[in-house]
Amino acid sequence: MDNEKVYRQCGAGWNSLIDPLVKRCTELGGIVDEIKEKYGTLRFYFTPLGPAADGLWDAFQDIVDQAEHESHWVCELCGKRGYGMRKGIWLKTLCNEHSLELGYKDRA
């Protein structure tokens, strides 16, 4: 499967976080399994293939962890500064404009 064509189950605002992960995973010879939003933040799942020489896959997992953490502060829809927002039981990271537009009023 072409890693660039993996369906992204999240908004385009996180593309700046996702694109470098897809590129690096491809360079290392891995497979991107799933890209999605869960509990308001980014989740990036991959399968490492090939040798784990010099801890390359461990280093890549650290990069994934950092991007997932950064997604707490990036609007999933537009990429502007975002905040964890809640609407009932649903959580999303949104900028003020999108939170109002979608009816997310309370900070998570």
Protein backbone atom coordinates (compact mmCIF):
# COMPACT_ATOMS: atom_id res chain seq x y z
CA MET A 1 0.00 0.00 0.00
CA ASP A 2 1.16 3.53 -0.77
CA ASN A 3 1.62 5.36 2.54
CA GLU A 4 0.66 8.66 0.92
CA LYS A 5 -2.79 7.25 0.10
CA VAL A 6 -3.72 6.08 3.59
CA TYR A 7 -7.10 7.60 4.44
CA ARG A 8 -6.84 10.26 7.13
CA GLN A 9 -9.72 10.00 9.55
CA CYS A 10 -9.19 13.54 10.80
CA GLY A 11 -9.26 17.11 9.59
CA ALA A 12 -6.69 18.71 7.29
CA GLY A 13 -5.52 21.04 10.06
CA TRP A 14 -3.22 18.28 11.28
CA ASN A 15 -1.55 17.74 7.90
CA SER A 16 1.50 19.71 9.08
CA LEU A 17 1.91 17.10 11.84
CA ILE A 18 1.04 14.08 9.70
CA ASP A 19 2.93 14.73 6.45
CA PRO A 20 6.43 14.50 8.01
CA LEU A 21 5.44 11.28 9.80
CA VAL A 22 4.25 9.65 6.58
CA LYS A 23 7.38 10.75 4.76
CA ARG A 24 9.75 9.46 7.45
CA CYS A 25 7.89 6.16 7.85
CA THR A 26 8.15 5.65 4.08
CA GLU A 27 11.88 6.49 4.11
CA LEU A 28 12.42 3.88 6.82
CA GLY A 29 10.48 1.29 4.81
CA GLY A 30 7.51 1.05 7.18
CA ILE A 31 3.79 0.87 6.56
CA VAL A 32 1.34 3.50 7.77
CA ASP A 33 -1.63 1.53 9.09
CA GLU A 34 -4.03 4.21 10.31
CA ILE A 35 -4.24 7.96 10.86
CA LYS A 36 -7.13 9.23 12.94
CA GLU A 37 -8.49 11.44 15.67
CA LYS A 38 -9.28 9.78 18.98
CA TYR A 39 -10.36 11.56 22.17
CA GLY A 40 -9.62 14.88 20.47
CA THR A 41 -6.01 14.17 19.52
CA LEU A 42 -4.04 12.62 16.68
CA ARG A 43 -3.31 8.89 16.54
CA PHE A 44 -0.73 7.59 14.06
CA TYR A 45 -0.33 3.82 13.77
CA PHE A 46 2.44 2.17 11.77
CA THR A 47 4.14 -1.17 11.24
CA PRO A 48 7.94 -1.09 11.23
CA LEU A 49 9.51 -3.27 8.56
CA GLY A 50 13.13 -4.10 8.07
CA PRO A 51 15.91 -3.95 10.61
CA ALA A 52 15.65 -1.84 13.74
CA ALA A 53 19.34 -0.98 13.45
CA ASP A 54 20.59 1.83 15.62
CA GLY A 55 17.17 2.28 17.22
CA LEU A 56 15.69 3.98 14.14
CA TRP A 57 12.18 2.72 14.88
CA ASP A 58 12.42 3.75 18.53
CA ALA A 59 13.48 7.22 17.40
CA PHE A 60 10.58 7.31 14.93
CA GLN A 61 8.13 6.33 17.69
CA ASP A 62 9.45 9.28 19.70
CA ILE A 63 8.67 11.57 16.74
CA VAL A 64 5.16 10.08 16.49
CA ASP A 65 4.63 10.60 20.22
CA GLN A 66 5.71 14.24 19.90
CA ALA A 67 3.33 14.89 16.97
CA GLU A 68 0.45 13.27 18.84
CA HIS A 69 1.21 15.47 21.84
CA GLU A 70 1.43 18.62 19.70
CA SER A 71 -2.02 17.84 18.27
CA HIS A 72 -3.44 18.89 21.67
CA TRP A 73 -2.71 22.49 20.61
CA VAL A 74 -3.50 22.49 16.87
CA CYS A 75 -7.01 22.91 15.48
CA GLU A 76 -7.87 19.70 13.68
CA LEU A 77 -9.77 21.61 10.99
CA CYS A 78 -7.57 24.59 10.11
CA GLY A 79 -4.19 24.20 11.83
CA LYS A 80 -4.47 27.36 13.96
CA ARG A 81 -3.85 27.34 17.70
CA GLY A 82 -6.40 24.96 19.19
CA TYR A 83 -7.70 23.82 22.55
CA GLY A 84 -9.30 20.63 23.81
CA MET A 85 -13.03 21.25 23.53
CA ARG A 86 -16.05 19.23 24.58
CA LYS A 87 -19.60 18.89 23.28
CA GLY A 88 -21.43 16.35 25.41
CA ILE A 89 -19.20 13.27 25.36
CA TRP A 90 -17.34 14.32 22.20
CA LEU A 91 -13.83 15.78 22.38
CA LYS A 92 -12.04 17.73 19.65
CA THR A 93 -9.10 20.06 19.42
CA LEU A 94 -10.41 23.22 17.78
CA CYS A 95 -9.62 26.91 17.45
CA ASN A 96 -12.12 29.34 18.95
CA GLU A 97 -13.77 29.98 15.57
CA HIS A 98 -14.40 26.31 14.77
CA SER A 99 -15.47 25.48 18.31
CA LEU A 100 -18.23 28.09 18.07
CA GLU A 101 -19.17 27.02 14.54
CA LEU A 102 -19.55 23.36 15.60
CA GLY A 103 -21.10 24.01 18.99
CA TYR A 104 -18.14 22.94 21.14
CA LYS A 105 -18.35 25.30 24.09
CA ASP A 106 -16.58 23.82 27.06
CA ARG A 107 -12.88 23.30 27.39
CA ALA A 108 -12.09 19.66 28.05
